[in-house]
Protein backbone atom coordinates (compact mmCIF):
# COMPACT_ATOMS: atom_id res chain seq x y z
CA UNK A 1 -16.61 246.18 177.14
CA UNK A 2 -14.22 244.78 179.54
CA UNK A 3 -12.18 247.62 182.46
CA UNK A 4 -8.76 247.38 182.69
CA UNK A 5 -6.13 249.24 184.90
CA UNK A 6 -3.10 250.81 183.10
CA UNK A 7 0.39 250.81 185.04
CA UNK A 8 -0.32 254.60 186.19
CA UNK A 9 -3.78 253.55 187.74
CA UNK A 10 -5.95 254.80 184.98
CA UNK A 11 -8.97 252.89 183.96
CA UNK A 12 -10.56 252.49 180.51
CA UNK A 13 -13.02 249.95 178.64
CA UNK A 14 -11.53 248.10 175.87
CA UNK A 15 -13.62 245.80 173.29
CA UNK A 16 -12.46 242.37 174.16
CA UNK A 17 -13.44 241.14 170.81
CA UNK A 18 -11.10 242.99 169.36
CA UNK A 19 -7.87 241.31 171.09
CA UNK A 20 -5.49 239.21 169.50
CA UNK A 21 -3.80 237.66 172.32
CA UNK A 22 -2.53 238.43 175.77
CA UNK A 23 1.20 238.52 176.52
CA UNK A 24 2.59 238.25 180.49
CA UNK A 25 6.39 239.19 180.30
CA UNK A 26 6.01 240.37 183.28
CA UNK A 27 3.74 243.08 182.93
CA UNK A 28 -0.13 241.57 181.41
CA UNK A 29 -0.25 243.01 177.50
CA UNK A 30 -3.04 243.09 175.57
CA UNK A 31 -2.40 242.91 171.78
CA UNK A 32 -5.25 244.03 169.65
CA UNK A 33 -6.02 243.07 166.11
CA UNK A 34 -4.93 246.58 164.41
CA UNK A 35 -1.48 245.98 166.39
CA UNK A 36 -2.12 248.55 169.04
CA UNK A 37 -0.66 247.27 172.61
CA UNK A 38 -1.82 248.13 176.41
CA UNK A 39 0.07 247.32 178.95
CA UNK A 40 -2.14 246.51 181.84
CA UNK A 41 -2.14 245.54 186.27
CA UNK A 42 -4.31 242.88 185.89
CA UNK A 43 -2.85 239.58 185.59
CA UNK A 44 -3.32 236.86 182.58
CA UNK A 45 -6.10 235.08 184.98
CA UNK A 46 -7.96 238.34 185.57
CA UNK A 47 -8.33 239.43 181.84
CA UNK A 48 -9.48 235.90 180.71
CA UNK A 49 -12.06 235.92 183.80
CA UNK A 50 -13.50 239.66 182.58
CA UNK A 51 -13.82 238.50 179.25
CA UNK A 52 -15.71 235.25 180.07
CA UNK A 53 -18.00 237.45 182.55
CA UNK A 54 -18.59 240.08 180.00
CA UNK A 55 -19.07 237.13 177.15
CA UNK A 56 -21.67 235.23 179.68
CA UNK A 57 -23.72 238.62 180.45
CA UNK A 58 -24.05 239.51 176.80
CA UNK A 59 -25.47 236.04 176.38
CA UNK A 60 -27.92 236.23 179.42
CA UNK A 61 -29.07 239.62 178.18
CA UNK A 62 -29.98 237.90 174.64
CA UNK A 63 -32.08 235.20 176.62
CA UNK A 64 -33.57 237.46 179.06
CA UNK A 65 -34.86 240.21 176.76
CA UNK A 66 -37.77 238.04 175.89
CA UNK A 67 -39.21 240.74 173.34
CA UNK A 68 -39.01 238.58 170.65
CA UNK A 69 -35.71 240.34 169.19
CA UNK A 70 -33.29 237.92 170.17
CA UNK A 71 -33.00 234.42 171.44
CA UNK A 72 -36.75 234.35 170.83
CA UNK A 73 -38.10 233.12 167.61
CA UNK A 74 -41.28 231.45 168.61
CA UNK A 75 -42.72 235.23 168.66
CA UNK A 76 -40.94 235.60 165.49
CA UNK A 77 -42.66 233.75 162.95
CA UNK A 78 -41.57 236.15 160.33
CA UNK A 79 -38.10 235.73 160.88
CA UNK A 80 -37.83 232.47 160.08
CA UNK A 81 -36.54 231.43 156.41
CA UNK A 82 -38.13 228.83 154.81
CA UNK A 83 -36.32 226.03 153.54
CA UNK A 84 -36.09 224.86 149.58
CA UNK A 85 -34.79 221.56 148.19
CA UNK A 86 -31.30 222.03 146.91
CA UNK A 87 -30.87 221.34 143.54
CA UNK A 88 -28.40 218.79 142.03
């Protein structure tokens, strides 16, 4: 989730994976995949930076988990799917 600010200075968290597009005219408007629209005080560049930082954080957590659940296939041999030859 990323935290953005409405025009009345209230903050809310939004799932960046559900943002379809971002408009700037002159306010920054987040258009969600379900058609909902949110006008925020952050600039286009700030919203994009927040999304990039969020995704980098999620990937970093996956690689640093080290418990074999995500990103560490060597510790989970049961998770490997054996390959079968294709029938022609």
